[in-house]
Every structure is written in structure tokens, then in C-alpha cells.
Amino acid sequence: MTRLTGTALRLTVLVGENDTWQHRPLYSEIVHRAHAAGLAGASVFRGIEGFGASSLVHTSRLLSLSEDLPVAVVVVDTEERVRAFLPELDALVTDGLVLLDHCEVVRHVPGAPGEEPR
């Protein structure tokens, strides 16, 4: 893996925690496909409250019965690599939001936490 610095593209996919692809969590499928595509990395963030096009508020508060919390899958890589990955999402994301943002990577140290960069 090469180090990623400078101008990059951030892909954010917002879906529901209960969304699935062939009996597997959708967020997990997106992460595994991003890995297989050789992207620099992907992270999944679970929201504690939110609403989307349905206007139904989902929350993690104890008294709420909703469990379909918002989930964000975030990928950062070169613009070329992220845009090449977008067709993968066309088949996966049928209900959600896909965002692209230009960003600048100021530090990228590949490897395990605590591992010295090469």
C-alpha cells in the first residue's frame, strides 16, 4: 500500500444499521468490497440518532423502540480510485445517501497501531 497524502476524495455512504445485502449487513459488504478493490481504507461509524427521507427519527435512547440507527461508511483514497469504486455501490445502495467530498490528507501512516512506518 502506498502512502496517501495531498488531495483526496472522501466517500461517505449513509445507510441504516439494519440494511442488508444477501443476508449480510450492508455496511459490512461495502467495507469488504472496498478492501477487495484495494482502497486505502474504510471505517464504519454508528450514529446515535438521525432521520432520513422517511422522516422517521431513529435513536439509541433507552425508551425508544427504534434500533435501525444510522451508519456511515467512510472511505478516503485518490479521486480516481474512489470514482472507480462507485459502480460497486450502484448495485448495493438502494436506500441511502452517497456523498463525495474533496479533502486533503495531511498524514497517512499505513500499518497496525504502534507499528513503525516503513
C-alpha atoms as a PDB file:
ATOM      1  CA  MET A   1       0.000   0.000   0.000  1.00  0.00           C
ATOM      2  CA  THR A   2       1.319   3.438  -0.852  1.00  0.00           C
ATOM      3  CA  ARG A   3       1.040   6.378   1.456  1.00  0.00           C
ATOM      4  CA  LEU A   4      -1.822   8.713   0.741  1.00  0.00           C
ATOM      5  CA  THR A   5      -1.067  12.419   1.091  1.00  0.00           C
ATOM      6  CA  GLY A   6      -2.340  15.569  -0.545  1.00  0.00           C
ATOM      7  CA  THR A   7      -5.603  15.930  -2.401  1.00  0.00           C
ATOM      8  CA  ALA A   8      -8.002  13.008  -1.995  1.00  0.00           C
ATOM      9  CA  LEU A   9     -11.673  12.163  -2.271  1.00  0.00           C
ATOM     10  CA  ARG A  10     -13.796  11.132   0.706  1.00  0.00           C
ATOM     11  CA  LEU A  11     -16.692   8.783   0.032  1.00  0.00           C
ATOM     12  CA  THR A  12     -19.383   8.645   2.711  1.00  0.00           C
ATOM     13  CA  VAL A  13     -22.247   6.168   2.458  1.00  0.00           C
ATOM     14  CA  LEU A  14     -25.132   6.723   4.869  1.00  0.00           C
ATOM     15  CA  VAL A  15     -27.391   3.704   5.366  1.00  0.00           C
ATOM     16  CA  GLY A  16     -29.436   2.097   8.107  1.00  0.00           C
ATOM     17  CA  GLU A  17     -27.891  -0.314  10.569  1.00  0.00           C
ATOM     18  CA  ASN A  18     -30.444  -2.982   9.599  1.00  0.00           C
ATOM     19  CA  ASP A  19     -29.930  -2.641   5.833  1.00  0.00           C
ATOM     20  CA  THR A  20     -28.668  -5.889   4.347  1.00  0.00           C
ATOM     21  CA  TRP A  21     -27.172  -7.308   1.162  1.00  0.00           C
ATOM     22  CA  GLN A  22     -27.823 -11.032   0.711  1.00  0.00           C
ATOM     23  CA  HIS A  23     -28.368 -11.590   4.472  1.00  0.00           C
ATOM     24  CA  ARG A  24     -25.200  -9.674   5.429  1.00  0.00           C
ATOM     25  CA  PRO A  25     -25.085  -6.163   6.928  1.00  0.00           C
ATOM     26  CA  LEU A  26     -24.834  -3.670   4.066  1.00  0.00           C
ATOM     27  CA  TYR A  27     -22.101  -1.676   5.794  1.00  0.00           C
ATOM     28  CA  SER A  28     -20.016  -4.843   6.100  1.00  0.00           C
ATOM     29  CA  GLU A  29     -20.475  -5.672   2.421  1.00  0.00           C
ATOM     30  CA  ILE A  30     -19.350  -2.160   1.454  1.00  0.00           C
ATOM     31  CA  VAL A  31     -16.222  -2.431   3.632  1.00  0.00           C
ATOM     32  CA  HIS A  32     -15.302  -5.846   2.230  1.00  0.00           C
ATOM     33  CA  ARG A  33     -15.793  -4.691  -1.360  1.00  0.00           C
ATOM     34  CA  ALA A  34     -13.694  -1.580  -0.701  1.00  0.00           C
ATOM     35  CA  HIS A  35     -10.967  -3.849   0.692  1.00  0.00           C
ATOM     36  CA  ALA A  36     -11.178  -6.156  -2.329  1.00  0.00           C
ATOM     37  CA  ALA A  37     -10.955  -3.108  -4.615  1.00  0.00           C
ATOM     38  CA  GLY A  38      -7.671  -2.150  -2.940  1.00  0.00           C
ATOM     39  CA  LEU A  39      -8.863   1.149  -1.492  1.00  0.00           C
ATOM     40  CA  ALA A  40      -6.707   2.766   1.193  1.00  0.00           C
ATOM     41  CA  GLY A  41      -9.173   2.035   3.992  1.00  0.00           C
ATOM     42  CA  ALA A  42     -12.767   2.123   5.170  1.00  0.00           C
ATOM     43  CA  SER A  43     -14.357   2.817   8.544  1.00  0.00           C
ATOM     44  CA  VAL A  44     -17.899   2.353   9.820  1.00  0.00           C
ATOM     45  CA  PHE A  45     -19.420   4.804  12.281  1.00  0.00           C
ATOM     46  CA  ARG A  46     -22.674   4.096  14.082  1.00  0.00           C
ATOM     47  CA  GLY A  47     -24.888   7.093  14.727  1.00  0.00           C
ATOM     48  CA  ILE A  48     -26.793   7.582  17.951  1.00  0.00           C
ATOM     49  CA  GLU A  49     -29.694   9.422  16.377  1.00  0.00           C
ATOM     50  CA  GLY A  50     -30.854  10.546  12.964  1.00  0.00           C
ATOM     51  CA  PHE A  51     -33.513  10.618  10.274  1.00  0.00           C
ATOM     52  CA  GLY A  52     -33.570  10.366   6.526  1.00  0.00           C
ATOM     53  CA  ALA A  53     -36.014  10.637   3.648  1.00  0.00           C
ATOM     54  CA  SER A  54     -38.699   8.755   5.586  1.00  0.00           C
ATOM     55  CA  SER A  55     -38.637  11.493   8.286  1.00  0.00           C
ATOM     56  CA  LEU A  56     -38.747   8.773  10.951  1.00  0.00           C
ATOM     57  CA  VAL A  57     -36.305   9.619  13.754  1.00  0.00           C
ATOM     58  CA  HIS A  58     -34.147   6.678  14.845  1.00  0.00           C
ATOM     59  CA  THR A  59     -32.473   6.947  18.230  1.00  0.00           C
ATOM     60  CA  SER A  60     -30.444   4.871  20.663  1.00  0.00           C
ATOM     61  CA  ARG A  61     -32.180   6.313  23.722  1.00  0.00           C
ATOM     62  CA  LEU A  62     -33.342   3.676  26.184  1.00  0.00           C
ATOM     63  CA  LEU A  63     -37.067   4.441  25.923  1.00  0.00           C
ATOM     64  CA  SER A  64     -37.085   4.356  22.139  1.00  0.00           C
ATOM     65  CA  LEU A  65     -38.054   1.179  20.320  1.00  0.00           C
ATOM     66  CA  SER A  66     -36.060   2.045  17.205  1.00  0.00           C
ATOM     67  CA  GLU A  67     -32.945   0.022  16.575  1.00  0.00           C
ATOM     68  CA  ASP A  68     -32.291   0.881  12.925  1.00  0.00           C
ATOM     69  CA  LEU A  69     -29.703   3.526  13.709  1.00  0.00           C
ATOM     70  CA  PRO A  70     -27.839   5.473  11.026  1.00  0.00           C
ATOM     71  CA  VAL A  71     -24.490   4.092   9.905  1.00  0.00           C
ATOM     72  CA  ALA A  72     -21.805   5.945   7.935  1.00  0.00           C
ATOM     73  CA  VAL A  73     -19.182   4.093   5.905  1.00  0.00           C
ATOM     74  CA  VAL A  74     -16.261   6.420   5.148  1.00  0.00           C
ATOM     75  CA  VAL A  75     -13.566   5.742   2.553  1.00  0.00           C
ATOM     76  CA  VAL A  76     -10.700   8.102   1.643  1.00  0.00           C
ATOM     77  CA  ASP A  77      -8.444   7.494  -1.340  1.00  0.00           C
ATOM     78  CA  THR A  78      -7.380   9.144  -4.577  1.00  0.00           C
ATOM     79  CA  GLU A  79     -10.187  10.556  -6.679  1.00  0.00           C
ATOM     80  CA  GLU A  80      -9.503   8.052  -9.459  1.00  0.00           C
ATOM     81  CA  ARG A  81      -9.745   5.030  -7.153  1.00  0.00           C
ATOM     82  CA  VAL A  82     -12.861   6.246  -5.326  1.00  0.00           C
ATOM     83  CA  ARG A  83     -14.680   7.055  -8.571  1.00  0.00           C
ATOM     84  CA  ALA A  84     -13.747   3.628  -9.950  1.00  0.00           C
ATOM     85  CA  PHE A  85     -15.432   2.100  -6.872  1.00  0.00           C
ATOM     86  CA  LEU A  86     -18.750   3.955  -7.328  1.00  0.00           C
ATOM     87  CA  PRO A  87     -20.288   1.352  -9.713  1.00  0.00           C
ATOM     88  CA  GLU A  88     -19.955  -1.215  -6.887  1.00  0.00           C
ATOM     89  CA  LEU A  89     -22.262   0.957  -4.785  1.00  0.00           C
ATOM     90  CA  ASP A  90     -24.897   1.232  -7.520  1.00  0.00           C
ATOM     91  CA  ALA A  91     -25.846  -2.401  -7.004  1.00  0.00           C
ATOM     92  CA  LEU A  92     -25.625  -2.255  -3.196  1.00  0.00           C
ATOM     93  CA  VAL A  93     -27.185   1.007  -2.018  1.00  0.00           C
ATOM     94  CA  THR A  94     -30.862   1.085  -2.927  1.00  0.00           C
ATOM     95  CA  ASP A  95     -31.949   3.176   0.079  1.00  0.00           C
ATOM     96  CA  GLY A  96     -29.379   5.582   1.472  1.00  0.00           C
ATOM     97  CA  LEU A  97     -27.163   8.511   0.619  1.00  0.00           C
ATOM     98  CA  VAL A  98     -23.783   8.508  -1.126  1.00  0.00           C
ATOM     99  CA  LEU A  99     -21.614  11.605  -0.730  1.00  0.00           C
ATOM    100  CA  LEU A 100     -18.315  12.667  -2.269  1.00  0.00           C
ATOM    101  CA  ASP A 101     -16.137  15.393  -0.753  1.00  0.00           C
ATOM    102  CA  HIS A 102     -12.759  16.666  -1.860  1.00  0.00           C
ATOM    103  CA  CYS A 103     -10.361  16.640   1.070  1.00  0.00           C
ATOM    104  CA  GLU A 104      -6.682  16.905   1.883  1.00  0.00           C
ATOM    105  CA  VAL A 105      -4.798  14.113   3.609  1.00  0.00           C
ATOM    106  CA  VAL A 106      -2.161  15.608   5.875  1.00  0.00           C
ATOM    107  CA  ARG A 107      -0.941  12.374   7.423  1.00  0.00           C
ATOM    108  CA  HIS A 108      -1.423   8.736   6.459  1.00  0.00           C
ATOM    109  CA  VAL A 109       0.611   6.100   8.229  1.00  0.00           C
ATOM    110  CA  PRO A 110      -0.299   2.617   6.971  1.00  0.00           C
ATOM    111  CA  GLY A 111       0.102  -0.331   9.307  1.00  0.00           C
ATOM    112  CA  ALA A 112      -1.031  -1.544  12.676  1.00  0.00           C
ATOM    113  CA  PRO A 113      -1.331   0.863  15.610  1.00  0.00           C
ATOM    114  CA  GLY A 114       2.088   1.322  17.190  1.00  0.00           C
ATOM    115  CA  GLU A 115       3.906  -0.120  14.160  1.00  0.00           C
ATOM    116  CA  GLU A 116       6.778   1.937  12.785  1.00  0.00           C
ATOM    117  CA  PRO A 117       6.188   3.322   9.260  1.00  0.00           C
ATOM    118  CA  ARG A 118       8.418   1.927   6.528  1.00  0.00           C
END
